Amino acid sequence: MSRQSGVRAPRARRARPRCRWAADSSDPASVRYHDEEWGRPVHDDRRLFEMLTLEGAQAGLSWATILHKRAGYRRAFDRFDPRKVARFDARRRAALRRDPGIVRNRLKIESSVSNARAFLAVQREFGSFARYLWSFVSGRPVVNRRRGRLPARTALSDRISSDLARRGFKFVGSTIIYAYLQAVGVVNDHSPGCFLARRPRAPRTASPAPPAARAPVALGRGRLLR
């Protein structure tokens, strides 16, 4: 899903060629997000949980709205530690529904807590959520060179969305998951003229199924990108 805005950026922001959604944005946070995060491969589990939560919160809203509430989310959700979020009780969830620093949608808040529990289950089964997610593309980003409007979903996002839903995740429809894959660099959709575009790899075969479960391993504490 492309990040679209109808407002042209100030001339100073257009010194570098960027993807259309960033080049057309007048929001510095959106441009910074494009330049520093969007499409860059993420293998840190806490960051993967953060982006999964934010993409779910974005449903029906603009991405700029979520970016401007990101600090509020990090505070409210204990810097996206899935172990802590999984333990949020009814009182904590009720407090979140009164917090103006986040999207105060009951279903989205409840899903963030249940998703944290499902996220921990995937970690236990595969050793890390990153190992599970990246197995769908054999550990290598899918590098596209599309011109024009980006698709809202693909066969890959359909496959991952279906598997996540089967594992109990909520707000993981295929459109949300395609935006998530772009956000964490599983899919690189920087346009050909963008300064962050990379040369595409040779064509790949179809994505394999997730790997067989292995014994749980101790996970190090990931560091958030700031």
C-alpha atoms as a PDB file:
ATOM      1  CA  MET A   1       0.000   0.000   0.000  1.00  0.00           C
ATOM      2  CA  SER A   2       1.513   3.274  -1.008  1.00  0.00           C
ATOM      3  CA  ARG A   3       1.758   6.180   1.410  1.00  0.00           C
ATOM      4  CA  GLN A   4      -0.051   8.886  -0.523  1.00  0.00           C
ATOM      5  CA  SER A   5      -0.547  12.605   0.062  1.00  0.00           C
ATOM      6  CA  GLY A   6      -1.943  15.246  -2.230  1.00  0.00           C
ATOM      7  CA  VAL A   7       0.258  18.113  -1.017  1.00  0.00           C
ATOM      8  CA  ARG A   8       3.492  19.010  -2.714  1.00  0.00           C
ATOM      9  CA  ALA A   9       6.613  19.161  -0.574  1.00  0.00           C
ATOM     10  CA  PRO A  10       8.566  22.424  -0.186  1.00  0.00           C
ATOM     11  CA  ARG A  11      11.295  22.801  -2.783  1.00  0.00           C
ATOM     12  CA  ALA A  12      14.041  22.127  -0.208  1.00  0.00           C
ATOM     13  CA  ARG A  13      12.575  18.684   0.421  1.00  0.00           C
ATOM     14  CA  ARG A  14      12.764  17.792  -3.258  1.00  0.00           C
ATOM     15  CA  ALA A  15      16.533  17.987  -3.588  1.00  0.00           C
ATOM     16  CA  ARG A  16      16.706  14.177  -3.616  1.00  0.00           C
ATOM     17  CA  PRO A  17      14.532  12.085  -5.923  1.00  0.00           C
ATOM     18  CA  ARG A  18      12.117  10.104  -3.754  1.00  0.00           C
ATOM     19  CA  CYS A  19       9.160   7.787  -4.116  1.00  0.00           C
ATOM     20  CA  ARG A  20       6.091   9.755  -5.145  1.00  0.00           C
ATOM     21  CA  TRP A  21       4.299   9.394  -1.790  1.00  0.00           C
ATOM     22  CA  ALA A  22       7.291  10.930   0.026  1.00  0.00           C
ATOM     23  CA  ALA A  23       8.128  13.527  -2.646  1.00  0.00           C
ATOM     24  CA  ASP A  24       4.538  14.779  -2.565  1.00  0.00           C
ATOM     25  CA  SER A  25       4.370  15.009   1.231  1.00  0.00           C
ATOM     26  CA  SER A  26       4.694  18.290   3.125  1.00  0.00           C
ATOM     27  CA  ASP A  27       5.075  16.369   6.402  1.00  0.00           C
ATOM     28  CA  PRO A  28       8.737  16.201   7.529  1.00  0.00           C
ATOM     29  CA  ALA A  29       8.009  13.091   9.638  1.00  0.00           C
ATOM     30  CA  SER A  30       6.755  11.220   6.581  1.00  0.00           C
ATOM     31  CA  VAL A  31       9.793  12.224   4.520  1.00  0.00           C
ATOM     32  CA  ARG A  32      12.138  11.212   7.340  1.00  0.00           C
ATOM     33  CA  TYR A  33      10.318   7.883   7.685  1.00  0.00           C
ATOM     34  CA  HIS A  34      10.801   7.245   3.959  1.00  0.00           C
ATOM     35  CA  ASP A  35      14.487   8.170   4.050  1.00  0.00           C
ATOM     36  CA  GLU A  36      15.441   6.336   7.244  1.00  0.00           C
ATOM     37  CA  GLU A  37      13.088   3.378   7.647  1.00  0.00           C
ATOM     38  CA  TRP A  38      10.690   2.432   4.853  1.00  0.00           C
ATOM     39  CA  GLY A  39      11.904  -0.594   2.912  1.00  0.00           C
ATOM     40  CA  ARG A  40      14.947  -1.264   5.125  1.00  0.00           C
ATOM     41  CA  PRO A  41      15.162  -4.895   6.279  1.00  0.00           C
ATOM     42  CA  VAL A  42      14.261  -5.344   9.949  1.00  0.00           C
ATOM     43  CA  HIS A  43      15.313  -8.443  11.893  1.00  0.00           C
ATOM     44  CA  ASP A  44      14.814  -7.141  15.426  1.00  0.00           C
ATOM     45  CA  ASP A  45      11.759  -8.729  17.024  1.00  0.00           C
ATOM     46  CA  ARG A  46      10.738  -5.760  19.132  1.00  0.00           C
ATOM     47  CA  ARG A  47      10.831  -3.484  16.118  1.00  0.00           C
ATOM     48  CA  LEU A  48       8.837  -6.044  14.138  1.00  0.00           C
ATOM     49  CA  PHE A  49       6.206  -6.038  16.883  1.00  0.00           C
ATOM     50  CA  GLU A  50       6.170  -2.244  16.912  1.00  0.00           C
ATOM     51  CA  MET A  51       5.492  -1.997  13.195  1.00  0.00           C
ATOM     52  CA  LEU A  52       2.858  -4.741  13.301  1.00  0.00           C
ATOM     53  CA  THR A  53       1.047  -2.796  16.032  1.00  0.00           C
ATOM     54  CA  LEU A  54       1.323   0.533  14.224  1.00  0.00           C
ATOM     55  CA  GLU A  55       0.171  -0.866  10.889  1.00  0.00           C
ATOM     56  CA  GLY A  56      -2.879  -2.359  12.586  1.00  0.00           C
ATOM     57  CA  ALA A  57      -3.601   0.963  14.284  1.00  0.00           C
ATOM     58  CA  GLN A  58      -3.353   2.742  10.924  1.00  0.00           C
ATOM     59  CA  ALA A  59      -6.332   0.868   9.436  1.00  0.00           C
ATOM     60  CA  GLY A  60      -8.810   3.495   8.242  1.00  0.00           C
ATOM     61  CA  LEU A  61      -6.465   6.385   9.076  1.00  0.00           C
ATOM     62  CA  SER A  62      -3.561   8.159   7.398  1.00  0.00           C
ATOM     63  CA  TRP A  63      -0.034   6.924   8.041  1.00  0.00           C
ATOM     64  CA  ALA A  64       0.980  10.477   8.972  1.00  0.00           C
ATOM     65  CA  THR A  65      -1.499  10.308  11.863  1.00  0.00           C
ATOM     66  CA  ILE A  66       0.246   7.199  13.197  1.00  0.00           C
ATOM     67  CA  LEU A  67       3.730   8.649  12.763  1.00  0.00           C
ATOM     68  CA  HIS A  68       2.757  11.655  14.851  1.00  0.00           C
ATOM     69  CA  LYS A  69       1.421   9.363  17.587  1.00  0.00           C
ATOM     70  CA  ARG A  70       4.438   7.053  17.531  1.00  0.00           C
ATOM     71  CA  ALA A  71       6.023   8.504  20.656  1.00  0.00           C
ATOM     72  CA  GLY A  72       2.711   8.106  22.444  1.00  0.00           C
ATOM     73  CA  TYR A  73       2.535   4.483  21.379  1.00  0.00           C
ATOM     74  CA  ARG A  74       6.048   3.756  22.585  1.00  0.00           C
ATOM     75  CA  ARG A  75       5.202   5.195  25.977  1.00  0.00           C
ATOM     76  CA  ALA A  76       1.785   3.562  26.274  1.00  0.00           C
ATOM     77  CA  PHE A  77       2.942   0.148  25.043  1.00  0.00           C
ATOM     78  CA  ASP A  78       6.110  -0.106  27.150  1.00  0.00           C
ATOM     79  CA  ARG A  79       8.368   0.520  24.160  1.00  0.00           C
ATOM     80  CA  PHE A  80       6.717  -2.393  22.388  1.00  0.00           C
ATOM     81  CA  ASP A  81       8.049  -5.140  24.614  1.00  0.00           C
ATOM     82  CA  PRO A  82       5.664  -7.972  23.627  1.00  0.00           C
ATOM     83  CA  ARG A  83       6.167  -9.727  26.977  1.00  0.00           C
ATOM     84  CA  LYS A  84       4.888  -6.670  28.845  1.00  0.00           C
ATOM     85  CA  VAL A  85       2.067  -5.901  26.396  1.00  0.00           C
ATOM     86  CA  ALA A  86       0.843  -9.510  26.600  1.00  0.00           C
ATOM     87  CA  ARG A  87       0.259  -8.972  30.337  1.00  0.00           C
ATOM     88  CA  PHE A  88      -1.900  -5.838  29.976  1.00  0.00           C
ATOM     89  CA  ASP A  89      -4.981  -6.482  32.109  1.00  0.00           C
ATOM     90  CA  ALA A  90      -8.482  -5.000  31.816  1.00  0.00           C
ATOM     91  CA  ARG A  91      -7.542  -1.945  33.887  1.00  0.00           C
ATOM     92  CA  ARG A  92      -4.501  -1.203  31.730  1.00  0.00           C
ATOM     93  CA  ARG A  93      -6.507  -1.628  28.522  1.00  0.00           C
ATOM     94  CA  ALA A  94      -9.208   0.700  29.852  1.00  0.00           C
ATOM     95  CA  ALA A  95      -6.538   3.318  30.588  1.00  0.00           C
ATOM     96  CA  LEU A  96      -5.285   3.029  27.013  1.00  0.00           C
ATOM     97  CA  ARG A  97      -8.776   3.835  25.738  1.00  0.00           C
ATOM     98  CA  ARG A  98      -8.482   7.205  27.539  1.00  0.00           C
ATOM     99  CA  ASP A  99      -4.968   7.963  26.276  1.00  0.00           C
ATOM    100  CA  PRO A 100      -4.966  10.778  23.664  1.00  0.00           C
ATOM    101  CA  GLY A 101      -1.427   9.824  22.616  1.00  0.00           C
ATOM    102  CA  ILE A 102      -2.671   6.745  20.736  1.00  0.00           C
ATOM    103  CA  VAL A 103      -5.615   5.719  18.569  1.00  0.00           C
ATOM    104  CA  ARG A 104      -8.302   5.076  21.190  1.00  0.00           C
ATOM    105  CA  ASN A 105     -10.123   2.327  19.343  1.00  0.00           C
ATOM    106  CA  ARG A 106     -11.164  -0.510  21.630  1.00  0.00           C
ATOM    107  CA  LEU A 107     -10.788  -3.254  19.032  1.00  0.00           C
ATOM    108  CA  LYS A 108      -7.331  -2.042  17.999  1.00  0.00           C
ATOM    109  CA  ILE A 109      -6.172  -1.847  21.611  1.00  0.00           C
ATOM    110  CA  GLU A 110      -7.518  -5.307  22.423  1.00  0.00           C
ATOM    111  CA  SER A 111      -5.908  -6.726  19.292  1.00  0.00           C
ATOM    112  CA  SER A 112      -2.522  -5.271  20.240  1.00  0.00           C
ATOM    113  CA  VAL A 113      -2.623  -7.260  23.486  1.00  0.00           C
ATOM    114  CA  SER A 114      -3.821 -10.492  21.881  1.00  0.00           C
ATOM    115  CA  ASN A 115      -1.280 -10.013  19.081  1.00  0.00           C
ATOM    116  CA  ALA A 116       1.486  -9.723  21.674  1.00  0.00           C
ATOM    117  CA  ARG A 117       0.472 -13.123  23.017  1.00  0.00           C
ATOM    118  CA  ALA A 118       0.366 -14.614  19.519  1.00  0.00           C
ATOM    119  CA  PHE A 119       3.742 -12.976  18.790  1.00  0.00           C
ATOM    120  CA  LEU A 120       5.280 -14.684  21.834  1.00  0.00           C
ATOM    121  CA  ALA A 121       3.845 -18.012  20.686  1.00  0.00           C
ATOM    122  CA  VAL A 122       5.573 -17.593  17.306  1.00  0.00           C
ATOM    123  CA  GLN A 123       8.839 -16.770  19.086  1.00  0.00           C
ATOM    124  CA  ARG A 124       8.553 -19.936  21.147  1.00  0.00           C
ATOM    125  CA  GLU A 125       7.804 -22.039  18.074  1.00  0.00           C
ATOM    126  CA  PHE A 126      10.410 -20.664  15.673  1.00  0.00           C
ATOM    127  CA  GLY A 127      13.045 -19.131  17.935  1.00  0.00           C
ATOM    128  CA  SER A 128      12.192 -15.585  16.829  1.00  0.00           C
ATOM    129  CA  PHE A 129       9.425 -13.803  14.985  1.00  0.00           C
ATOM    130  CA  ALA A 130      12.022 -12.567  12.478  1.00  0.00           C
ATOM    131  CA  ARG A 131      12.942 -16.127  11.559  1.00  0.00           C
ATOM    132  CA  TYR A 132       9.284 -16.939  10.975  1.00  0.00           C
ATOM    133  CA  LEU A 133       8.548 -13.816   8.904  1.00  0.00           C
ATOM    134  CA  TRP A 134      11.656 -13.864   6.732  1.00  0.00           C
ATOM    135  CA  SER A 135      11.195 -17.566   5.933  1.00  0.00           C
ATOM    136  CA  PHE A 136       8.393 -16.567   3.547  1.00  0.00           C
ATOM    137  CA  VAL A 137      10.997 -14.935   1.257  1.00  0.00           C
ATOM    138  CA  SER A 138      13.904 -17.291   1.975  1.00  0.00           C
ATOM    139  CA  GLY A 139      15.593 -14.584   4.030  1.00  0.00           C
ATOM    140  CA  ARG A 140      16.000 -12.119   1.129  1.00  0.00           C
ATOM    141  CA  PRO A 141      13.939  -8.982   0.443  1.00  0.00           C
ATOM    142  CA  VAL A 142      11.646  -8.993  -2.564  1.00  0.00           C
ATOM    143  CA  VAL A 143      12.935  -6.038  -4.600  1.00  0.00           C
ATOM    144  CA  ASN A 144      10.317  -4.592  -6.935  1.00  0.00           C
ATOM    145  CA  ARG A 145      10.714  -1.834  -9.484  1.00  0.00           C
ATOM    146  CA  ARG A 146       7.133  -0.809 -10.046  1.00  0.00           C
ATOM    147  CA  ARG A 147       6.246   2.436 -11.733  1.00  0.00           C
ATOM    148  CA  GLY A 148       3.039   4.192 -10.866  1.00  0.00           C
ATOM    149  CA  ARG A 149       0.622   3.199  -8.124  1.00  0.00           C
ATOM    150  CA  LEU A 150       1.626   0.317  -5.873  1.00  0.00           C
ATOM    151  CA  PRO A 151      -0.713  -2.642  -5.304  1.00  0.00           C
ATOM    152  CA  ALA A 152      -2.771  -2.847  -2.120  1.00  0.00           C
ATOM    153  CA  ARG A 153      -2.033  -6.559  -1.704  1.00  0.00           C
ATOM    154  CA  THR A 154      -0.118  -9.382  -3.355  1.00  0.00           C
ATOM    155  CA  ALA A 155      -0.015 -13.174  -3.304  1.00  0.00           C
ATOM    156  CA  LEU A 156       2.760 -12.922  -0.706  1.00  0.00           C
ATOM    157  CA  SER A 157       0.749 -10.683   1.620  1.00  0.00           C
ATOM    158  CA  ASP A 158      -2.267 -12.975   1.141  1.00  0.00           C
ATOM    159  CA  ARG A 159      -0.184 -15.957   2.226  1.00  0.00           C
ATOM    160  CA  ILE A 160       1.313 -14.287   5.295  1.00  0.00           C
ATOM    161  CA  SER A 161      -1.991 -12.672   6.286  1.00  0.00           C
ATOM    162  CA  SER A 162      -3.720 -16.040   6.172  1.00  0.00           C
ATOM    163  CA  ASP A 163      -1.032 -17.705   8.278  1.00  0.00           C
ATOM    164  CA  LEU A 164      -1.029 -14.916  10.878  1.00  0.00           C
ATOM    165  CA  ALA A 165      -4.820 -15.056  11.161  1.00  0.00           C
ATOM    166  CA  ARG A 166      -4.614 -18.819  11.644  1.00  0.00           C
ATOM    167  CA  ARG A 167      -2.218 -18.182  14.529  1.00  0.00           C
ATOM    168  CA  GLY A 168      -4.667 -15.837  16.240  1.00  0.00           C
ATOM    169  CA  PHE A 169      -3.430 -12.410  15.101  1.00  0.00           C
ATOM    170  CA  LYS A 170      -5.992  -9.647  14.545  1.00  0.00           C
ATOM    171  CA  PHE A 171      -5.939  -6.646  12.192  1.00  0.00           C
ATOM    172  CA  VAL A 172      -3.718  -8.588   9.804  1.00  0.00           C
ATOM    173  CA  GLY A 173      -5.718  -8.406   6.598  1.00  0.00           C
ATOM    174  CA  SER A 174      -3.736  -8.697   3.393  1.00  0.00           C
ATOM    175  CA  THR A 175      -3.708  -4.936   2.729  1.00  0.00           C
ATOM    176  CA  ILE A 176      -2.389  -4.203   6.226  1.00  0.00           C
ATOM    177  CA  ILE A 177       0.207  -6.955   5.905  1.00  0.00           C
ATOM    178  CA  TYR A 178       1.435  -5.695   2.533  1.00  0.00           C
ATOM    179  CA  ALA A 179       2.041  -2.269   4.096  1.00  0.00           C
ATOM    180  CA  TYR A 180       3.796  -4.065   6.968  1.00  0.00           C
ATOM    181  CA  LEU A 181       6.052  -5.993   4.582  1.00  0.00           C
ATOM    182  CA  GLN A 182       7.022  -2.716   2.903  1.00  0.00           C
ATOM    183  CA  ALA A 183       7.641  -1.077   6.285  1.00  0.00           C
ATOM    184  CA  VAL A 184      10.026  -3.764   7.552  1.00  0.00           C
ATOM    185  CA  GLY A 185      11.821  -4.317   4.249  1.00  0.00           C
ATOM    186  CA  VAL A 186      10.575  -7.793   3.448  1.00  0.00           C
ATOM    187  CA  VAL A 187       9.351  -6.063   0.293  1.00  0.00           C
ATOM    188  CA  ASN A 188      11.360  -3.179  -1.177  1.00  0.00           C
ATOM    189  CA  ASP A 189       8.993  -1.010  -3.201  1.00  0.00           C
ATOM    190  CA  HIS A 190      11.160   2.078  -3.660  1.00  0.00           C
ATOM    191  CA  SER A 191      10.416   3.394  -7.130  1.00  0.00           C
ATOM    192  CA  PRO A 192      13.122   3.169  -9.838  1.00  0.00           C
ATOM    193  CA  GLY A 193      13.891   6.882  -9.645  1.00  0.00           C
ATOM    194  CA  CYS A 194      14.150   7.028  -5.858  1.00  0.00           C
ATOM    195  CA  PHE A 195      17.602   7.630  -4.380  1.00  0.00           C
ATOM    196  CA  LEU A 196      17.056   4.566  -2.169  1.00  0.00           C
ATOM    197  CA  ALA A 197      16.228   2.217  -5.036  1.00  0.00           C
ATOM    198  CA  ARG A 198      18.394  -0.879  -5.275  1.00  0.00           C
ATOM    199  CA  ARG A 199      19.232  -3.047  -8.225  1.00  0.00           C
ATOM    200  CA  PRO A 200      16.776  -5.969  -8.237  1.00  0.00           C
ATOM    201  CA  ARG A 201      17.971  -9.493  -7.621  1.00  0.00           C
ATOM    202  CA  ALA A 202      17.577 -12.339 -10.067  1.00  0.00           C
ATOM    203  CA  PRO A 203      14.035 -13.768 -10.236  1.00  0.00           C
ATOM    204  CA  ARG A 204      13.198 -15.972  -7.290  1.00  0.00           C
ATOM    205  CA  THR A 205      11.145 -19.107  -6.953  1.00  0.00           C
ATOM    206  CA  ALA A 206       7.879 -19.225  -5.058  1.00  0.00           C
ATOM    207  CA  SER A 207       8.132 -18.533  -1.345  1.00  0.00           C
ATOM    208  CA  PRO A 208       8.390 -21.643   0.816  1.00  0.00           C
ATOM    209  CA  ALA A 209       6.158 -22.488   3.741  1.00  0.00           C
ATOM    210  CA  PRO A 210       7.303 -21.379   7.208  1.00  0.00           C
ATOM    211  CA  PRO A 211      10.123 -23.496   8.655  1.00  0.00           C
ATOM    212  CA  ALA A 212       9.471 -26.351  11.011  1.00  0.00           C
ATOM    213  CA  ALA A 213       9.354 -25.365  14.645  1.00  0.00           C
ATOM    214  CA  ARG A 214      12.483 -25.711  16.686  1.00  0.00           C
ATOM    215  CA  ALA A 215      13.235 -25.687  20.389  1.00  0.00           C
ATOM    216  CA  PRO A 216      12.877 -22.221  21.972  1.00  0.00           C
ATOM    217  CA  VAL A 217      16.056 -20.216  22.332  1.00  0.00           C
ATOM    218  CA  ALA A 218      16.868 -17.266  24.540  1.00  0.00           C
ATOM    219  CA  LEU A 219      16.235 -13.981  22.731  1.00  0.00           C
ATOM    220  CA  GLY A 220      18.358 -10.908  23.266  1.00  0.00           C
ATOM    221  CA  ARG A 221      16.699  -7.591  23.977  1.00  0.00           C
ATOM    222  CA  GLY A 222      16.385  -5.689  20.682  1.00  0.00           C
ATOM    223  CA  ARG A 223      17.103  -2.013  20.310  1.00  0.00           C
ATOM    224  CA  LEU A 224      14.537   0.332  18.762  1.00  0.00           C
ATOM    225  CA  LEU A 225      15.525   2.597  15.933  1.00  0.00           C
ATOM    226  CA  ARG A 226      14.989   6.167  16.983  1.00  0.00           C
END
